[in-house]
Protein backbone atom coordinates (compact mmCIF):
# COMPACT_ATOMS: atom_id res chain seq x y z
CA UNK A 1 0.00 0.00 0.00
CA UNK A 2 1.37 3.42 -0.99
CA UNK A 3 0.73 6.26 1.47
CA UNK A 4 1.69 9.89 0.90
CA UNK A 5 2.94 12.13 3.68
CA UNK A 6 2.25 15.86 3.66
CA UNK A 7 4.09 18.90 4.97
CA UNK A 8 2.98 20.22 8.37
CA UNK A 9 0.20 22.77 8.51
CA UNK A 10 1.06 26.41 9.02
CA UNK A 11 2.22 27.09 12.54
CA UNK A 12 -0.09 28.79 15.02
CA UNK A 13 0.72 32.29 16.22
CA UNK A 14 2.07 30.85 19.47
CA UNK A 15 5.78 30.06 19.42
CA UNK A 16 7.50 27.01 20.82
CA UNK A 17 8.04 27.40 24.54
CA UNK A 18 11.46 26.14 25.67
CA UNK A 19 12.96 25.72 29.15
CA UNK A 20 16.54 24.74 29.85
CA UNK A 21 17.56 25.65 33.40
CA UNK A 22 18.06 22.75 35.84
CA UNK A 23 15.14 23.81 38.01
CA UNK A 24 12.81 24.04 35.00
CA UNK A 25 13.91 20.68 33.56
CA UNK A 26 13.96 18.74 36.83
CA UNK A 27 10.17 17.95 36.97
CA UNK A 28 10.47 16.20 33.58
CA UNK A 29 13.38 13.90 34.46
CA UNK A 30 11.34 10.97 35.80
CA UNK A 31 8.03 9.26 35.20
CA UNK A 32 5.71 7.18 37.38
CA UNK A 33 8.21 4.29 37.31
CA UNK A 34 10.93 6.49 38.83
CA UNK A 35 13.40 5.07 36.33
CA UNK A 36 16.88 6.29 37.33
CA UNK A 37 19.28 8.56 35.49
CA UNK A 38 16.86 10.96 33.79
CA UNK A 39 18.54 13.93 32.09
CA UNK A 40 17.79 16.29 29.21
CA UNK A 41 19.18 19.35 27.42
CA UNK A 42 15.86 21.16 27.34
CA UNK A 43 12.10 20.73 27.42
CA UNK A 44 10.08 21.99 24.45
CA UNK A 45 6.34 22.70 24.49
CA UNK A 46 4.97 22.82 20.92
CA UNK A 47 1.58 24.36 20.21
CA UNK A 48 1.05 22.87 16.73
CA UNK A 49 2.12 20.05 14.43
CA UNK A 50 4.43 22.54 12.68
CA UNK A 51 6.14 23.15 16.03
CA UNK A 52 6.52 19.41 16.51
CA UNK A 53 8.04 19.07 13.03
CA UNK A 54 10.51 21.89 13.75
CA UNK A 55 11.61 20.23 16.98
CA UNK A 56 12.10 16.88 15.24
CA UNK A 57 14.19 18.50 12.50
CA UNK A 58 16.56 19.82 15.15
CA UNK A 59 18.62 16.64 14.77
CA UNK A 60 18.86 15.80 18.46
CA UNK A 61 17.33 12.90 20.35
CA UNK A 62 13.67 13.56 21.16
CA UNK A 63 11.43 11.93 23.77
CA UNK A 64 7.72 12.76 23.27
CA UNK A 65 5.81 12.78 26.58
CA UNK A 66 2.29 13.40 27.79
CA UNK A 67 1.51 13.11 31.49
CA UNK A 68 4.66 11.00 32.13
CA UNK A 69 2.52 8.35 33.83
CA UNK A 70 4.56 5.50 32.33
CA UNK A 71 5.16 2.53 34.65
CA UNK A 72 8.04 1.24 32.53
CA UNK A 73 10.45 4.19 32.37
CA UNK A 74 9.30 4.98 28.84
CA UNK A 75 8.75 8.67 29.70
CA UNK A 76 12.10 9.18 31.46
CA UNK A 77 14.52 11.12 29.19
CA UNK A 78 18.08 9.98 28.61
CA UNK A 79 19.47 13.15 27.05
CA UNK A 80 18.37 15.37 24.18
CA UNK A 81 14.99 17.09 24.04
CA UNK A 82 11.85 16.33 26.02
CA UNK A 83 8.91 17.14 23.74
CA UNK A 84 5.97 17.81 26.03
CA UNK A 85 2.54 17.85 24.40
CA UNK A 86 0.98 19.58 27.42
CA UNK A 87 0.04 22.70 25.40
CA UNK A 88 -1.65 20.63 22.67
CA UNK A 89 -4.68 19.77 24.79
CA UNK A 90 -7.74 20.99 22.94
CA UNK A 91 -10.94 19.23 21.93
CA UNK A 92 -10.96 19.90 18.19
CA UNK A 93 -14.50 18.85 17.35
CA UNK A 94 -17.24 16.28 17.64
CA UNK A 95 -17.89 13.72 14.91
CA UNK A 96 -20.96 11.61 14.22
CA UNK A 97 -19.51 8.73 16.28
CA UNK A 98 -16.89 10.34 18.46
CA UNK A 99 -14.51 13.20 19.15
CA UNK A 100 -11.23 14.52 17.73
CA UNK A 101 -8.70 15.83 20.24
CA UNK A 102 -5.09 16.92 20.49
CA UNK A 103 -2.80 14.29 21.93
CA UNK A 104 -1.90 16.24 25.06
CA UNK A 105 -5.48 16.31 26.35
CA UNK A 106 -5.76 14.45 29.64
CA UNK A 107 -8.47 11.84 30.06
CA UNK A 108 -9.54 13.67 33.22
CA UNK A 109 -10.07 16.80 31.09
CA UNK A 110 -12.04 14.88 28.48
CA UNK A 111 -14.39 13.13 30.92
CA UNK A 112 -16.45 16.19 32.03
CA UNK A 113 -17.09 17.05 28.38
CA UNK A 114 -18.23 13.50 27.69
CA UNK A 115 -20.59 13.61 30.65
CA UNK A 116 -22.06 16.86 29.41
CA UNK A 117 -22.81 15.21 26.05
CA UNK A 118 -24.04 11.92 27.61
CA UNK A 119 -21.08 10.08 26.03
CA UNK A 120 -18.76 7.39 27.34
CA UNK A 121 -15.18 6.41 26.41
CA UNK A 122 -14.81 2.80 27.63
CA UNK A 123 -11.07 1.94 27.49
CA UNK A 124 -9.98 4.57 30.03
CA UNK A 125 -7.07 3.10 32.05
CA UNK A 126 -7.19 3.02 35.82
CA UNK A 127 -5.23 6.28 35.99
CA UNK A 128 -7.31 9.00 34.32
CA UNK A 129 -4.50 11.56 34.60
CA UNK A 130 -2.90 10.00 31.51
CA UNK A 131 -2.97 11.89 28.21
CA UNK A 132 -4.92 10.64 25.22
CA UNK A 133 -1.73 10.49 23.15
CA UNK A 134 0.06 8.52 25.85
CA UNK A 135 -2.70 5.92 25.99
CA UNK A 136 -2.62 5.58 22.20
CA UNK A 137 1.18 5.32 22.16
CA UNK A 138 1.04 2.39 24.61
CA UNK A 139 -2.28 0.86 23.48
CA UNK A 140 -3.36 1.30 27.07
CA UNK A 141 -6.20 -0.70 28.56
CA UNK A 142 -8.28 -0.45 31.69
CA UNK A 143 -10.75 -2.29 33.83
CA UNK A 144 -13.44 -2.55 31.13
CA UNK A 145 -11.24 -4.33 28.57
CA UNK A 146 -13.23 -7.53 29.14
CA UNK A 147 -16.21 -5.98 27.38
CA UNK A 148 -14.73 -3.19 25.28
CA UNK A 149 -11.17 -4.13 24.37
CA UNK A 150 -8.12 -1.85 24.38
CA UNK A 151 -7.49 1.67 23.15
CA UNK A 152 -6.71 0.30 19.67
CA UNK A 153 -10.34 -0.68 19.04
CA UNK A 154 -11.52 2.87 19.83
CA UNK A 155 -9.08 4.90 17.71
CA UNK A 156 -10.55 5.77 14.30
CA UNK A 157 -7.90 8.25 13.09
CA UNK A 158 -4.57 9.79 14.08
CA UNK A 159 -2.22 12.47 12.84
CA UNK A 160 1.44 11.57 13.36
CA UNK A 161 4.60 13.58 12.67
CA UNK A 162 7.44 11.38 11.41
CA UNK A 163 11.05 11.71 12.50
CA UNK A 164 11.94 13.81 9.43
CA UNK A 165 9.09 16.29 10.03
CA UNK A 166 6.60 14.98 7.45
CA UNK A 167 3.03 14.31 8.54
CA UNK A 168 0.71 11.32 8.05
CA UNK A 169 -3.08 11.54 8.37
CA UNK A 170 -4.28 7.99 8.98
CA UNK A 171 -7.94 6.95 9.03
CA UNK A 172 -8.86 3.42 9.96
CA UNK A 173 -9.50 1.21 6.96
CA UNK A 174 -7.82 3.48 4.39
CA UNK A 175 -4.18 2.23 4.43
CA UNK A 176 -3.92 -1.56 4.55
CA UNK A 177 -0.78 -3.67 4.10
CA UNK A 178 -0.37 -4.83 0.51
CA UNK A 179 0.24 -8.28 -0.92
CA UNK A 180 3.96 -7.90 -0.26
CA UNK A 181 3.26 -7.47 3.45
CA UNK A 182 4.09 -3.84 3.98
CA UNK A 183 3.67 -0.14 3.24
CA UNK A 184 5.42 2.37 1.00
CA UNK A 185 5.37 5.81 2.61
CA UNK A 186 6.20 8.57 0.14
CA UNK A 187 7.81 11.61 1.77
CA UNK A 188 7.33 15.22 0.69
CA UNK A 189 10.76 15.20 -0.97
CA UNK A 190 9.86 12.16 -3.09
CA UNK A 191 11.65 9.42 -1.16
CA UNK A 192 9.88 6.12 -0.50
CA UNK A 193 10.18 4.60 2.96
CA UNK A 194 9.52 0.85 2.78
CA UNK A 195 8.00 -0.55 5.98
CA UNK A 196 7.71 -4.34 6.10
CA UNK A 197 5.23 -5.87 8.55
CA UNK A 198 7.06 -8.19 11.00
CA UNK A 199 6.25 -11.86 10.51
CA UNK A 200 5.80 -12.89 14.14
CA UNK A 201 2.45 -13.97 15.57
CA UNK A 202 1.11 -12.01 18.51
CA UNK A 203 -0.38 -13.85 21.53
CA UNK A 204 -4.11 -14.52 21.24
CA UNK A 205 -5.19 -12.63 24.37
CA UNK A 206 -7.59 -9.77 25.06
CA UNK A 207 -4.89 -7.13 25.44
CA UNK A 208 -1.25 -6.91 24.49
CA UNK A 209 1.22 -4.01 24.67
CA UNK A 210 4.57 -5.45 23.63
CA UNK A 211 6.34 -4.02 20.61
CA UNK A 212 4.97 -3.28 17.18
CA UNK A 213 1.57 -4.57 16.08
CA UNK A 214 1.94 -7.11 13.27
CA UNK A 215 -0.72 -8.96 11.33
CA UNK A 216 -1.18 -9.92 7.66
CA UNK A 217 -3.15 -7.22 5.84
CA UNK A 218 -2.92 -4.91 8.86
CA UNK A 219 -3.94 -1.26 8.96
CA UNK A 220 -1.06 1.24 9.00
CA UNK A 221 -2.75 3.14 11.85
CA UNK A 222 -2.14 0.12 14.08
CA UNK A 223 1.62 0.30 13.57
CA UNK A 224 1.75 3.62 15.44
CA UNK A 225 -0.76 2.61 18.15
CA UNK A 226 1.33 0.92 20.85
CA UNK A 227 4.69 1.93 19.31
CA UNK A 228 5.55 3.98 22.44
CA UNK A 229 6.60 7.06 20.49
CA UNK A 230 9.46 5.28 18.70
CA UNK A 231 8.05 5.68 15.15
CA UNK A 232 6.51 9.15 15.23
CA UNK A 233 4.85 11.77 17.41
CA UNK A 234 1.06 11.47 17.54
CA UNK A 235 -0.43 14.97 17.61
CA UNK A 236 -4.16 14.38 17.04
CA UNK A 237 -6.49 11.46 17.76
CA UNK A 238 -10.06 10.68 16.79
CA UNK A 239 -11.84 8.46 19.31
CA UNK A 240 -15.02 6.42 18.93
CA UNK A 241 -17.50 6.87 21.79
CA UNK A 242 -20.54 5.15 23.28
CA UNK A 243 -23.87 6.98 23.39
CA UNK A 244 -25.78 7.21 25.63
CA UNK A 245 -23.78 6.54 28.80
CA UNK A 246 -24.89 3.39 30.64
CA UNK A 247 -25.87 3.32 34.28
CA UNK A 248 -23.71 1.21 36.57
CA UNK A 249 -24.08 -1.27 39.40
CA UNK A 250 -20.89 -2.01 41.32
CA UNK A 251 -20.05 -4.25 44.25
CA UNK A 252 -17.17 -5.13 46.55
CA UNK A 253 -17.21 -8.90 47.08
CA UNK A 254 -14.97 -10.53 49.73
CA UNK A 255 -14.28 -14.23 49.17
CA UNK A 256 -12.70 -17.23 50.86
CA UNK A 257 -9.81 -17.43 48.37
CA UNK A 258 -8.69 -17.70 44.78
CA UNK A 259 -10.76 -20.76 43.91
CA UNK A 260 -13.95 -19.03 45.03
CA UNK A 261 -12.98 -15.85 43.16
CA UNK A 262 -12.21 -17.67 39.91
CA UNK A 263 -15.45 -19.68 40.06
CA UNK A 264 -17.52 -16.52 40.57
CA UNK A 265 -15.70 -14.65 37.79
CA UNK A 266 -16.19 -17.59 35.41
CA UNK A 267 -19.96 -17.48 35.94
CA UNK A 268 -20.13 -13.70 35.60
CA UNK A 269 -18.08 -13.86 32.40
CA UNK A 270 -20.29 -16.60 30.97
CA UNK A 271 -23.48 -14.68 31.76
CA UNK A 272 -22.13 -11.51 30.17
CA UNK A 273 -20.92 -13.25 27.02
CA UNK A 274 -24.37 -14.84 26.58
CA UNK A 275 -25.93 -11.40 26.95
CA UNK A 276 -23.69 -9.88 24.25
CA UNK A 277 -24.23 -12.81 21.88
CA UNK A 278 -28.00 -12.98 22.25
CA UNK A 279 -28.78 -9.30 22.94
CA UNK A 280 -30.88 -10.51 25.88
CA UNK A 281 -32.39 -7.39 27.44
CA UNK A 282 -32.61 -9.15 30.80
CA UNK A 283 -29.07 -10.54 30.65
CA UNK A 284 -26.35 -9.60 33.10
CA UNK A 285 -23.78 -7.29 31.55
CA UNK A 286 -20.49 -7.15 33.46
CA UNK A 287 -17.88 -4.84 31.94
CA UNK A 288 -15.09 -5.23 34.49
CA UNK A 289 -14.00 -7.33 37.46
CA UNK A 290 -10.98 -6.36 39.57
CA UNK A 291 -9.12 -8.82 41.84
CA UNK A 292 -7.12 -8.45 45.05
CA UNK A 293 -5.35 -11.35 46.77
CA UNK A 294 -4.92 -12.05 50.48
CA UNK A 295 -1.75 -9.95 50.79
CA UNK A 296 -3.55 -7.02 49.12
CA UNK A 297 -6.28 -7.25 51.74
CA UNK A 298 -3.67 -7.27 54.52
CA UNK A 299 -2.12 -4.08 53.13
CA UNK A 300 -5.54 -2.41 52.92
CA UNK A 301 -6.25 -3.31 56.54
CA UNK A 302 -2.85 -2.01 57.67
CA UNK A 303 -3.51 1.28 55.88
CA UNK A 304 -7.08 1.67 57.14
CA UNK A 305 -8.37 1.73 53.58
CA UNK A 306 -11.50 -0.32 54.27
CA UNK A 307 -12.63 2.11 56.96
CA UNK A 308 -11.93 5.09 54.71
CA UNK A 309 -13.93 3.52 51.86
CA UNK A 310 -16.82 2.52 54.11
CA UNK A 311 -16.44 -1.13 53.11
CA UNK A 312 -16.63 -4.22 55.31
CA UNK A 313 -14.18 -7.06 54.66
CA UNK A 314 -14.29 -10.10 56.99
CA UNK A 315 -10.90 -10.95 58.49
CA UNK A 316 -11.04 -14.51 57.13
CA UNK A 317 -11.37 -13.25 53.52
CA UNK A 318 -8.42 -14.34 51.37
CA UNK A 319 -9.44 -12.61 48.12
CA UNK A 320 -11.81 -9.90 46.99
CA UNK A 321 -13.41 -8.65 43.78
CA UNK A 322 -14.73 -5.29 42.65
CA UNK A 323 -17.23 -5.79 39.84
CA UNK A 324 -18.91 -3.27 37.58
CA UNK A 325 -22.03 -4.18 35.61
CA UNK A 326 -23.90 -2.03 33.12
CA UNK A 327 -27.60 -1.28 33.39
CA UNK A 328 -29.89 0.47 30.92
CA UNK A 329 -29.10 4.17 30.41
CA UNK A 330 -31.14 6.31 32.74
CA UNK A 331 -31.60 3.60 35.40
CA UNK A 332 -31.86 5.45 38.70
CA UNK A 333 -31.01 4.43 42.24
CA UNK A 334 -34.71 4.07 43.01
CA UNK A 335 -35.19 1.90 39.92
CA UNK A 336 -32.38 -0.40 41.02
CA UNK A 337 -33.60 -0.50 44.61
CA UNK A 338 -37.09 -1.54 43.48
CA UNK A 339 -35.55 -4.19 41.25
CA UNK A 340 -33.58 -5.67 44.14
CA UNK A 341 -36.85 -5.94 46.05
CA UNK A 342 -37.91 -8.56 43.46
CA UNK A 343 -34.83 -10.72 43.97
CA UNK A 344 -36.83 -13.55 45.55
CA UNK A 345 -39.85 -13.20 43.26
CA UNK A 346 -40.21 -16.26 41.05
CA UNK A 347 -40.19 -15.32 37.38
CA UNK A 348 -38.84 -11.80 37.95
CA UNK A 349 -35.99 -11.10 35.55
CA UNK A 350 -33.72 -8.14 34.83
CA UNK A 351 -29.98 -7.49 34.34
CA UNK A 352 -29.44 -6.50 37.97
CA UNK A 353 -31.32 -9.57 39.20
CA UNK A 354 -29.21 -11.86 36.99
CA UNK A 355 -25.99 -10.49 38.50
CA UNK A 356 -27.23 -10.58 42.08
CA UNK A 357 -28.59 -14.11 41.74
CA UNK A 358 -25.14 -15.28 40.65
CA UNK A 359 -23.78 -13.69 43.83
CA UNK A 360 -26.49 -15.52 45.82
CA UNK A 361 -25.62 -18.84 44.17
CA UNK A 362 -22.01 -18.40 45.22
CA UNK A 363 -22.99 -17.54 48.78
CA UNK A 364 -21.46 -14.05 48.74
CA UNK A 365 -24.44 -11.74 48.26
CA UNK A 366 -24.91 -11.17 52.00
CA UNK A 367 -21.31 -10.06 52.55
CA UNK A 368 -21.00 -7.97 49.37
CA UNK A 369 -21.12 -4.18 49.46
CA UNK A 370 -23.42 -3.04 46.62
CA UNK A 371 -23.32 0.36 44.96
CA UNK A 372 -26.40 1.42 42.99
CA UNK A 373 -26.68 3.80 40.03
CA UNK A 374 -26.31 7.41 41.06
CA UNK A 375 -24.21 6.58 44.12
CA UNK A 376 -21.18 8.06 42.41
CA UNK A 377 -19.27 8.91 45.59
CA UNK A 378 -19.55 5.33 46.86
CA UNK A 379 -18.65 3.94 43.43
CA UNK A 380 -15.57 6.14 43.26
CA UNK A 381 -14.62 4.95 46.75
CA UNK A 382 -14.69 1.32 45.59
CA UNK A 383 -12.32 2.01 42.74
CA UNK A 384 -10.09 4.14 44.97
CA UNK A 385 -9.96 1.14 47.29
CA UNK A 386 -8.57 -1.00 44.49
CA UNK A 387 -6.06 1.76 43.63
CA UNK A 388 -5.02 1.90 47.29
CA UNK A 389 -3.32 -1.46 46.79
CA UNK A 390 -0.63 -0.34 44.29
CA UNK A 391 -0.35 2.95 46.15
CA UNK A 392 0.33 1.04 49.38
CA UNK A 393 2.89 -1.22 47.72
CA UNK A 394 4.66 1.71 46.04
CA UNK A 395 4.74 3.68 49.28
CA UNK A 396 6.40 0.79 51.11
CA UNK A 397 8.92 0.35 48.30
CA UNK A 398 9.80 4.07 48.36
CA UNK A 399 10.19 4.03 52.13
CA UNK A 400 12.56 1.06 51.96
CA UNK A 401 14.44 2.76 49.14
CA UNK A 402 14.86 5.84 51.34
CA UNK A 403 15.74 4.13 54.62
CA UNK A 404 17.33 0.79 53.68
CA UNK A 405 18.81 0.65 50.19
CA UNK A 406 18.56 3.16 47.32
CA UNK A 407 18.75 0.28 44.80
CA UNK A 408 15.27 -0.87 45.83
CA UNK A 409 12.62 0.10 43.26
CA UNK A 410 9.22 -0.91 41.94
CA UNK A 411 9.18 -4.56 40.89
CA UNK A 412 5.86 -5.33 39.26
CA UNK A 413 4.68 -7.55 36.44
CA UNK A 414 1.95 -6.99 33.87
CA UNK A 415 1.04 -10.45 32.58
CA UNK A 416 -2.00 -11.89 30.84
CA UNK A 417 -3.00 -15.47 30.03
CA UNK A 418 -6.21 -16.95 28.62
CA UNK A 419 -8.74 -16.78 31.47
CA UNK A 420 -9.19 -20.55 31.43
CA UNK A 421 -5.56 -20.89 32.58
CA UNK A 422 -5.54 -18.08 35.13
CA UNK A 423 -5.94 -20.34 38.18
CA UNK A 424 -2.92 -22.37 37.09
CA UNK A 425 -1.03 -19.15 36.32
CA UNK A 426 -1.66 -17.69 39.80
CA UNK A 427 -0.30 -20.88 41.36
CA UNK A 428 2.83 -20.68 39.20
CA UNK A 429 3.37 -16.98 39.91
CA UNK A 430 3.13 -17.49 43.67
CA UNK A 431 5.43 -20.51 43.55
CA UNK A 432 8.07 -18.36 41.83
CA UNK A 433 7.75 -15.51 44.35
CA UNK A 434 7.95 -17.96 47.25
CA UNK A 435 11.00 -19.70 45.76
CA UNK A 436 12.75 -16.32 45.79
CA UNK A 437 11.48 -15.68 49.36
CA UNK A 438 9.80 -12.45 48.31
CA UNK A 439 6.97 -10.66 50.04
CA UNK A 440 4.47 -10.10 47.25
CA UNK A 441 0.93 -9.07 46.34
CA UNK A 442 -1.10 -9.84 43.23
CA UNK A 443 -3.97 -7.77 41.89
CA UNK A 444 -5.43 -6.86 38.52
CA UNK A 445 -8.10 -7.20 35.88
CA UNK A 446 -9.21 -10.75 36.57
CA UNK A 447 -12.01 -10.66 33.98
CA UNK A 448 -9.28 -10.45 31.29
CA UNK A 449 -6.82 -12.90 32.85
CA UNK A 450 -4.50 -9.91 33.38
CA UNK A 451 -2.85 -9.54 36.80
CA UNK A 452 0.03 -7.57 38.28
CA UNK A 453 2.32 -9.68 40.50
CA UNK A 454 4.35 -7.22 42.60
CA UNK A 455 7.31 -7.99 44.83
CA UNK A 456 7.94 -5.89 47.93
CA UNK A 457 11.72 -6.32 48.28
CA UNK A 458 13.29 -5.83 51.71
CA UNK A 459 16.80 -4.94 50.51
CA UNK A 460 19.06 -4.74 47.47
CA UNK A 461 19.70 -8.47 47.37
CA UNK A 462 15.98 -9.14 47.26
CA UNK A 463 15.71 -6.58 44.47
CA UNK A 464 17.92 -8.83 42.33
CA UNK A 465 15.66 -11.78 43.18
CA UNK A 466 12.60 -9.69 42.29
CA UNK A 467 13.94 -9.01 38.79
CA UNK A 468 14.66 -12.69 38.25
CA UNK A 469 11.22 -13.62 39.57
CA UNK A 470 9.49 -11.22 37.17
CA UNK A 471 11.37 -12.67 34.21
CA UNK A 472 10.36 -16.18 35.29
CA UNK A 473 6.74 -15.07 35.70
CA UNK A 474 6.78 -13.49 32.24
CA UNK A 475 8.18 -16.70 30.78
CA UNK A 476 5.37 -18.68 32.42
CA UNK A 477 2.82 -16.34 30.82
CA UNK A 478 4.43 -16.86 27.40
CA UNK A 479 4.45 -20.63 27.87
CA UNK A 480 0.73 -20.54 28.71
CA UNK A 481 -0.17 -18.71 25.50
CA UNK A 482 -0.22 -15.24 27.04
CA UNK A 483 1.80 -12.06 27.00
CA UNK A 484 4.35 -10.76 29.54
CA UNK A 485 3.36 -7.16 28.71
CA UNK A 486 -0.38 -6.64 28.77
CA UNK A 487 -1.15 -2.94 29.19
CA UNK A 488 1.84 -0.89 30.36
CA UNK A 489 4.17 -1.35 27.41
CA UNK A 490 7.90 -2.12 27.44
CA UNK A 491 9.56 1.24 27.89
CA UNK A 492 13.13 1.24 29.20
CA UNK A 493 12.58 -1.61 31.66
CA UNK A 494 15.46 -4.12 31.25
CA UNK A 495 13.17 -6.91 32.49
CA UNK A 496 10.44 -6.09 29.95
CA UNK A 497 12.94 -5.64 27.11
CA UNK A 498 14.37 -9.06 27.90
CA UNK A 499 10.87 -10.54 27.95
CA UNK A 500 10.09 -8.90 24.60
CA UNK A 501 13.04 -10.79 23.11
CA UNK A 502 11.89 -14.01 24.78
CA UNK A 503 8.40 -13.48 23.34
CA UNK A 504 9.40 -12.91 19.70
CA UNK A 505 12.94 -14.27 19.50
CA UNK A 506 15.97 -12.65 17.89
CA UNK A 507 14.36 -12.53 14.45
CA UNK A 508 11.27 -10.84 15.83
CA UNK A 509 13.38 -8.12 17.42
CA UNK A 510 15.35 -7.77 14.18
CA UNK A 511 12.08 -7.33 12.26
CA UNK A 512 10.99 -4.62 14.70
CA UNK A 513 14.32 -2.87 14.30
CA UNK A 514 13.87 -2.87 10.52
CA UNK A 515 10.55 -1.07 10.99
CA UNK A 516 12.24 1.41 13.32
CA UNK A 517 15.10 2.00 10.90
CA UNK A 518 12.74 2.57 7.97
CA UNK A 519 10.99 5.42 9.79
CA UNK A 520 13.70 6.63 12.18
CA UNK A 521 17.08 5.43 10.85
CA UNK A 522 19.10 7.47 13.37
CA UNK A 523 17.12 6.21 16.37
CA UNK A 524 16.38 9.77 17.49
CA UNK A 525 12.78 9.16 18.59
CA UNK A 526 12.47 7.77 22.13
CA UNK A 527 15.96 6.21 22.09
CA UNK A 528 16.30 3.28 24.48
CA UNK A 529 12.54 2.63 24.52
CA UNK A 530 11.64 -0.92 23.39
CA UNK A 531 15.28 -1.66 22.44
CA UNK A 532 18.47 -1.26 24.48
CA UNK A 533 20.43 1.53 22.80
CA UNK A 534 23.64 -0.43 22.39
CA UNK A 535 22.15 -3.80 21.49
CA UNK A 536 23.04 -5.15 18.06
């Protein structure tokens, strides 16, 4: 397929803002992963695609960043220019099926506008402070992936500035890989950049954020989604939206352990899939189920999080779920309350009753904490409770880093396997952590088979064991038909870069490098992200 680039549009009246003093640069030298060694010559804040093109033509290394919420070090600069898209944060217009925005717009800025228009963007990741461009660059996913899929499925168009300053406008379905398995991108000076689609096969799982997308006959737009800023700088994005917004029922469900949690999730998944397949108006419709293991619950108790959230969790609980089910748009709290009053009425049927009867069948309805439509404060508290787990782990890691050993850092995995193998996977993950004598907690998006095993190392020696454990866990996920990088990307993490090579082999990495070299032959865009800089 032949695709023609264009020159950038005329620059806006605003000029590029640049900062270069140590105090001004310092806030941009680390991301959410606290990857060490961040440094940069300057930080540039473009206001238009023409500004972005000018910065890229500078000839120096460039790291495009949004909110710097990366958990893999992918937004930590290692010299050169930090290109912050913070000023490019406008909503550009509404389409028949969605919205077009600049890449620097934060999801938290987009959400109030969606509410005002009775619209819903389903693949929002757990952290809504991320930028739209950042989520596209990593093919981010969130709690509702079980029903809605990843960011990729909701991106209908992007504008991307290539390393040489040319611009591509890509609309889904318009630029597909040709019979020869690639794309010919014609630059504004008449050169043809040949991009060959890698020949590896990606894992068949619900979400996957590990290197370049590759599939026979693929859409060119998908090459840039999930490329982590290594192939171009995304400046505009068109998103597909849901209208009208659904109403939600949520619940915190404490359980006896993993077996009970997996059995309940299996039934909720089965009910929801039947509903989607048959369009049953009375069917249960679960969009997301979050999981916390016994160690997670211990941390929440230690931190007083249950009291703060107004949630009861029996002390003998060894696992817990937070589920979110969709109800018909406009369903009110009173509607839901009346519906629950019919729970024991023979023949009564409705989506909420289907979900609650599954909870009754599993013997957990009485101990669950339900949240009805319209109880937004209580619903937010449930999801903050889940987020209190990684916050608690990260806080303990930082404290040990400060008081015990500065080499201690975050040591968390992001693995996914087919749901049918998740019980086996959890057993394997725990066996590995225990073999390395590591304190650990596991949480995540259980409805997808995606969990985050996290070590809580006590000292520098345990940090070495944590890295080895995470590689072993990633290898187990690969062996079980899954992916060692589900939703956070690869970034600069040595563990994740090693797992990327294990996933696709040397030839797969070589094929990715050929794509990189076709579009960015000097490796100036996001150097060190995905690939070690000095690896042959």
